[in-house]
Amino acid sequence: MVKRILNYLGWFIVAILLGFLHMRIVLGAPPKSDDEKFSFTSMIYEWALVQVGSTVGLIIALIFILLDVFYLNNKLKDNSKAALFRLVIISLMAVIVGGTHYILEKVIDVI
């Protein structure tokens, strides 16, 4: 049981990092300012990166863990490439969630 929890903790961390990567792509490079340490624009940038990136990562993690518990565990038993397949699945989920976030924010203007 502990091994399974640690395994899902690892996938949770991967999902959070994918959420941060999505927000880094959406936000672009950090803004340049005169005072590099405490500028208002850099604080807003960092807040958006952490807040929205972690939320997107949590959504990716929730969907992935539910899919893994209810479907992938049975299908990938005794498969030597199960971790690689799970990495591909979580990456595809990140693309789908990121695309949905982009469409809702930029195209439909709901978020």
C-alpha atoms as a PDB file:
ATOM      1  CA  MET A   1       0.000   0.000   0.000  1.00  0.00           C
ATOM      2  CA  VAL A   2       2.841   2.410   0.841  1.00  0.00           C
ATOM      3  CA  LYS A   3       4.508   1.626  -2.494  1.00  0.00           C
ATOM      4  CA  ARG A   4       1.312   2.491  -4.352  1.00  0.00           C
ATOM      5  CA  ILE A   5       0.923   5.789  -2.471  1.00  0.00           C
ATOM      6  CA  LEU A   6       4.539   6.749  -3.223  1.00  0.00           C
ATOM      7  CA  ASN A   7       4.001   5.794  -6.861  1.00  0.00           C
ATOM      8  CA  TYR A   8       0.974   8.096  -7.107  1.00  0.00           C
ATOM      9  CA  LEU A   9       2.893  10.833  -5.274  1.00  0.00           C
ATOM     10  CA  GLY A  10       5.516  10.644  -8.015  1.00  0.00           C
ATOM     11  CA  TRP A  11       2.849  10.922 -10.722  1.00  0.00           C
ATOM     12  CA  PHE A  12       1.271  13.797  -8.774  1.00  0.00           C
ATOM     13  CA  ILE A  13       4.579  15.678  -8.849  1.00  0.00           C
ATOM     14  CA  VAL A  14       4.910  15.023 -12.588  1.00  0.00           C
ATOM     15  CA  ALA A  15       1.382  16.401 -13.114  1.00  0.00           C
ATOM     16  CA  ILE A  16       2.132  19.547 -11.105  1.00  0.00           C
ATOM     17  CA  LEU A  17       5.323  20.119 -13.104  1.00  0.00           C
ATOM     18  CA  LEU A  18       3.350  19.683 -16.331  1.00  0.00           C
ATOM     19  CA  GLY A  19       0.871  22.293 -15.059  1.00  0.00           C
ATOM     20  CA  PHE A  20       3.739  24.720 -14.395  1.00  0.00           C
ATOM     21  CA  LEU A  21       5.146  23.992 -17.854  1.00  0.00           C
ATOM     22  CA  HIS A  22       1.761  24.759 -19.408  1.00  0.00           C
ATOM     23  CA  MET A  23       1.553  28.094 -17.618  1.00  0.00           C
ATOM     24  CA  ARG A  24       5.151  28.945 -18.555  1.00  0.00           C
ATOM     25  CA  ILE A  25       4.221  28.376 -22.204  1.00  0.00           C
ATOM     26  CA  VAL A  26       1.008  30.425 -21.890  1.00  0.00           C
ATOM     27  CA  LEU A  27       2.602  33.320 -19.978  1.00  0.00           C
ATOM     28  CA  GLY A  28       5.839  33.424 -21.944  1.00  0.00           C
ATOM     29  CA  ALA A  29       9.107  34.740 -20.607  1.00  0.00           C
ATOM     30  CA  PRO A  30       9.150  36.652 -17.308  1.00  0.00           C
ATOM     31  CA  PRO A  31       8.723  40.402 -17.744  1.00  0.00           C
ATOM     32  CA  LYS A  32      11.808  42.595 -17.694  1.00  0.00           C
ATOM     33  CA  SER A  33      11.904  45.371 -15.121  1.00  0.00           C
ATOM     34  CA  ASP A  34      14.306  47.946 -13.743  1.00  0.00           C
ATOM     35  CA  ASP A  35      14.305  46.518 -10.238  1.00  0.00           C
ATOM     36  CA  GLU A  36      14.772  42.779 -10.777  1.00  0.00           C
ATOM     37  CA  LYS A  37      13.911  41.747  -7.237  1.00  0.00           C
ATOM     38  CA  PHE A  38      10.606  43.322  -6.276  1.00  0.00           C
ATOM     39  CA  SER A  39       8.707  44.603  -9.282  1.00  0.00           C
ATOM     40  CA  PHE A  40       4.932  44.464  -9.397  1.00  0.00           C
ATOM     41  CA  THR A  41       4.850  42.800 -12.805  1.00  0.00           C
ATOM     42  CA  SER A  42       7.203  40.028 -11.729  1.00  0.00           C
ATOM     43  CA  MET A  43       5.073  39.410  -8.627  1.00  0.00           C
ATOM     44  CA  ILE A  44       1.934  39.098 -10.784  1.00  0.00           C
ATOM     45  CA  TYR A  45       3.800  36.794 -13.170  1.00  0.00           C
ATOM     46  CA  GLU A  46       5.004  34.547 -10.357  1.00  0.00           C
ATOM     47  CA  TRP A  47       1.573  34.479  -8.733  1.00  0.00           C
ATOM     48  CA  ALA A  48      -0.113  33.465 -11.988  1.00  0.00           C
ATOM     49  CA  LEU A  49       2.528  30.845 -12.660  1.00  0.00           C
ATOM     50  CA  VAL A  50       2.190  29.227  -9.241  1.00  0.00           C
ATOM     51  CA  GLN A  51      -1.554  29.649  -8.677  1.00  0.00           C
ATOM     52  CA  VAL A  52      -2.891  28.681 -12.092  1.00  0.00           C
ATOM     53  CA  GLY A  53      -0.082  26.221 -12.823  1.00  0.00           C
ATOM     54  CA  SER A  54      -0.744  24.284  -9.636  1.00  0.00           C
ATOM     55  CA  THR A  55      -4.493  24.276 -10.322  1.00  0.00           C
ATOM     56  CA  VAL A  56      -3.966  22.930 -13.835  1.00  0.00           C
ATOM     57  CA  GLY A  57      -1.525  20.372 -12.415  1.00  0.00           C
ATOM     58  CA  LEU A  58      -4.057  19.270  -9.803  1.00  0.00           C
ATOM     59  CA  ILE A  59      -6.679  18.742 -12.495  1.00  0.00           C
ATOM     60  CA  ILE A  60      -4.214  16.686 -14.555  1.00  0.00           C
ATOM     61  CA  ALA A  61      -3.267  14.637 -11.485  1.00  0.00           C
ATOM     62  CA  LEU A  62      -6.875  13.992 -10.479  1.00  0.00           C
ATOM     63  CA  ILE A  63      -7.866  12.795 -13.943  1.00  0.00           C
ATOM     64  CA  PHE A  64      -4.739  10.664 -14.303  1.00  0.00           C
ATOM     65  CA  ILE A  65      -4.992   9.007 -10.894  1.00  0.00           C
ATOM     66  CA  LEU A  66      -8.678   8.189 -11.385  1.00  0.00           C
ATOM     67  CA  LEU A  67      -7.961   6.752 -14.823  1.00  0.00           C
ATOM     68  CA  ASP A  68      -5.038   4.764 -13.469  1.00  0.00           C
ATOM     69  CA  VAL A  69      -6.938   3.342 -10.509  1.00  0.00           C
ATOM     70  CA  PHE A  70     -10.029   2.336 -12.432  1.00  0.00           C
ATOM     71  CA  TYR A  71      -8.622   1.389 -15.848  1.00  0.00           C
ATOM     72  CA  LEU A  72      -4.866   1.355 -16.386  1.00  0.00           C
ATOM     73  CA  ASN A  73      -3.915  -0.883 -13.451  1.00  0.00           C
ATOM     74  CA  ASN A  74      -5.860  -3.786 -14.898  1.00  0.00           C
ATOM     75  CA  LYS A  75      -4.645  -3.232 -18.462  1.00  0.00           C
ATOM     76  CA  LEU A  76      -0.967  -2.732 -17.650  1.00  0.00           C
ATOM     77  CA  LYS A  77      -0.370  -5.622 -15.253  1.00  0.00           C
ATOM     78  CA  ASP A  78       2.860  -7.472 -16.040  1.00  0.00           C
ATOM     79  CA  ASN A  79       3.783  -5.009 -18.780  1.00  0.00           C
ATOM     80  CA  SER A  80       7.449  -4.058 -18.936  1.00  0.00           C
ATOM     81  CA  LYS A  81       6.723  -0.641 -20.472  1.00  0.00           C
ATOM     82  CA  ALA A  82       3.932   0.389 -18.101  1.00  0.00           C
ATOM     83  CA  ALA A  83       5.786   3.442 -16.744  1.00  0.00           C
ATOM     84  CA  LEU A  84       6.539   4.718 -20.247  1.00  0.00           C
ATOM     85  CA  PHE A  85       2.921   4.203 -21.279  1.00  0.00           C
ATOM     86  CA  ARG A  86       1.728   6.072 -18.176  1.00  0.00           C
ATOM     87  CA  LEU A  87       4.113   8.929 -18.956  1.00  0.00           C
ATOM     88  CA  VAL A  88       2.665   9.173 -22.462  1.00  0.00           C
ATOM     89  CA  ILE A  89      -0.891   9.105 -21.037  1.00  0.00           C
ATOM     90  CA  ILE A  90      -0.198  11.848 -18.477  1.00  0.00           C
ATOM     91  CA  SER A  91       1.500  13.961 -21.173  1.00  0.00           C
ATOM     92  CA  LEU A  92      -1.528  13.580 -23.450  1.00  0.00           C
ATOM     93  CA  MET A  93      -3.781  14.559 -20.558  1.00  0.00           C
ATOM     94  CA  ALA A  94      -1.652  17.646 -19.967  1.00  0.00           C
ATOM     95  CA  VAL A  95      -2.062  18.624 -23.618  1.00  0.00           C
ATOM     96  CA  ILE A  96      -5.833  18.076 -23.454  1.00  0.00           C
ATOM     97  CA  VAL A  97      -6.252  19.995 -20.175  1.00  0.00           C
ATOM     98  CA  GLY A  98      -3.923  22.757 -21.394  1.00  0.00           C
ATOM     99  CA  GLY A  99      -5.819  23.025 -24.672  1.00  0.00           C
ATOM    100  CA  THR A 100      -9.125  23.147 -22.840  1.00  0.00           C
ATOM    101  CA  HIS A 101      -7.771  25.864 -20.540  1.00  0.00           C
ATOM    102  CA  TYR A 102      -6.555  27.868 -23.519  1.00  0.00           C
ATOM    103  CA  ILE A 103      -9.882  27.554 -25.367  1.00  0.00           C
ATOM    104  CA  LEU A 104     -11.887  28.528 -22.282  1.00  0.00           C
ATOM    105  CA  GLU A 105      -9.620  31.484 -21.517  1.00  0.00           C
ATOM    106  CA  LYS A 106      -8.785  32.939 -24.922  1.00  0.00           C
ATOM    107  CA  VAL A 107     -11.462  31.775 -27.365  1.00  0.00           C
ATOM    108  CA  ILE A 108     -14.674  31.526 -25.356  1.00  0.00           C
ATOM    109  CA  ASP A 109     -13.515  34.011 -22.669  1.00  0.00           C
ATOM    110  CA  VAL A 110     -15.099  32.152 -19.753  1.00  0.00           C
ATOM    111  CA  ILE A 111     -12.111  32.091 -17.431  1.00  0.00           C
END
